[in-house]
Amino acid sequence: MTIEYIRYVLVEHEPAALIAAYEQARVHLDMAPECLAYDLTQCDDEPNSLILRIEWTSGAAHMQGFRRGPHFPPFLAAIRAFIPEIAEMRHYRPRIVSGS
């Protein structure tokens, strides 16, 4: 499993617009067999900062499966306006250190 984190720092858009876009885009994540889970969170201290966390079956499944598959074009169309406001987009290994 690979976890993708996409950190948005909104300058041009309001947080409600990004949330609405992901309400549309989530349908395509739900249909993608490469996607295991996802959540969008908003910072309490800086409301214009949001993080999308997506669990993929693997990095390759995300990049070669989802990105080249039928669900990516409509997903991208829903969130395209927010791409310039991405501050970071990276893949991480899960649970190097964890606790309860």
Protein backbone atom coordinates (compact mmCIF):
# COMPACT_ATOMS: atom_id res chain seq x y z
CA MET A 1 0.00 0.00 0.00
CA THR A 2 1.05 3.58 -0.73
CA ILE A 3 -0.44 6.70 0.82
CA GLU A 4 -0.64 9.84 -1.28
CA TYR A 5 -0.89 13.19 0.46
CA ILE A 6 -1.97 16.26 -1.49
CA ARG A 7 -1.65 19.49 0.47
CA TYR A 8 -3.61 22.47 -0.80
CA VAL A 9 -2.99 26.06 0.24
CA LEU A 10 -5.91 27.95 -1.24
CA VAL A 11 -5.34 31.51 -2.40
CA GLU A 12 -7.62 31.78 -5.44
CA HIS A 13 -10.50 29.63 -4.15
CA GLU A 14 -12.54 29.26 -1.00
CA PRO A 15 -12.34 25.97 0.94
CA ALA A 16 -16.03 25.29 0.25
CA ALA A 17 -15.29 25.22 -3.50
CA LEU A 18 -12.54 22.60 -3.08
CA ILE A 19 -14.77 20.51 -0.82
CA ALA A 20 -17.57 20.67 -3.39
CA ALA A 21 -15.16 19.63 -6.15
CA TYR A 22 -14.08 16.59 -4.15
CA GLU A 23 -17.70 15.69 -3.48
CA GLN A 24 -17.96 15.29 -7.27
CA ALA A 25 -14.51 13.74 -7.74
CA ARG A 26 -14.97 11.14 -5.00
CA VAL A 27 -17.34 9.13 -7.20
CA HIS A 28 -14.39 8.33 -9.46
CA LEU A 29 -12.17 7.35 -6.54
CA ASP A 30 -14.94 5.06 -5.29
CA MET A 31 -15.09 3.32 -8.67
CA ALA A 32 -11.32 2.92 -9.04
CA PRO A 33 -10.12 -0.52 -7.88
CA GLU A 34 -6.67 0.98 -7.16
CA CYS A 35 -8.10 3.29 -4.47
CA LEU A 36 -8.58 1.72 -1.04
CA ALA A 37 -9.67 4.77 0.99
CA TYR A 38 -9.44 8.56 1.09
CA ASP A 39 -10.26 11.54 3.25
CA LEU A 40 -10.09 15.30 2.89
CA THR A 41 -9.25 17.27 6.02
CA GLN A 42 -9.22 21.00 6.71
CA CYS A 43 -6.81 22.75 9.06
CA ASP A 44 -8.44 24.34 12.11
CA ASP A 45 -5.70 26.97 12.42
CA GLU A 46 -5.52 27.87 8.73
CA PRO A 47 -8.85 27.01 7.03
CA ASN A 48 -7.38 27.61 3.56
CA SER A 49 -5.06 24.66 4.10
CA LEU A 50 -6.54 21.24 3.30
CA ILE A 51 -4.98 17.80 2.93
CA LEU A 52 -6.30 14.97 0.81
CA ARG A 53 -5.07 11.53 1.90
CA ILE A 54 -5.55 8.65 -0.54
CA GLU A 55 -4.62 5.03 0.13
CA TRP A 56 -3.62 3.25 -3.08
CA THR A 57 -2.95 -0.46 -3.48
CA SER A 58 0.56 0.59 -4.63
CA GLY A 59 2.36 3.53 -6.17
CA ALA A 60 2.39 1.75 -9.52
CA ALA A 61 -1.35 1.06 -9.28
CA HIS A 62 -1.92 4.77 -8.78
CA MET A 63 0.43 6.02 -11.48
CA GLN A 64 -0.05 3.33 -14.14
CA GLY A 65 -3.49 2.01 -13.21
CA PHE A 66 -5.62 4.92 -12.03
CA ARG A 67 -3.83 7.67 -13.95
CA ARG A 68 -4.08 5.72 -17.21
CA GLY A 69 -7.54 4.30 -16.55
CA PRO A 70 -11.08 5.46 -17.26
CA HIS A 71 -11.68 7.07 -13.84
CA PHE A 72 -8.83 9.59 -13.94
CA PRO A 73 -10.11 11.96 -16.68
CA PRO A 74 -13.43 12.75 -14.93
CA PHE A 75 -11.67 12.89 -11.54
CA LEU A 76 -9.17 15.39 -12.92
CA ALA A 77 -11.90 17.44 -14.59
CA ALA A 78 -13.64 17.89 -11.23
CA ILE A 79 -10.53 19.20 -9.41
CA ARG A 80 -8.50 20.75 -12.26
CA ALA A 81 -9.10 24.36 -11.15
CA PHE A 82 -7.34 23.65 -7.84
CA ILE A 83 -4.12 22.14 -9.24
CA PRO A 84 -2.20 25.46 -9.13
CA GLU A 85 -2.92 25.61 -5.38
CA ILE A 86 -1.25 22.29 -4.60
CA ALA A 87 1.67 22.96 -2.25
CA GLU A 88 2.77 19.32 -2.05
CA MET A 89 1.80 16.03 -3.66
CA ARG A 90 3.79 12.96 -2.63
CA HIS A 91 3.58 9.23 -1.99
CA TYR A 92 4.50 7.85 1.44
CA ARG A 93 5.02 4.45 3.02
CA PRO A 94 2.43 3.72 5.71
CA ARG A 95 3.08 3.39 9.43
CA ILE A 96 6.80 3.59 9.97
CA VAL A 97 5.96 4.57 13.57
CA SER A 98 2.43 4.35 14.91
CA GLY A 99 0.49 4.20 18.14
CA SER A 100 -3.02 4.06 19.48
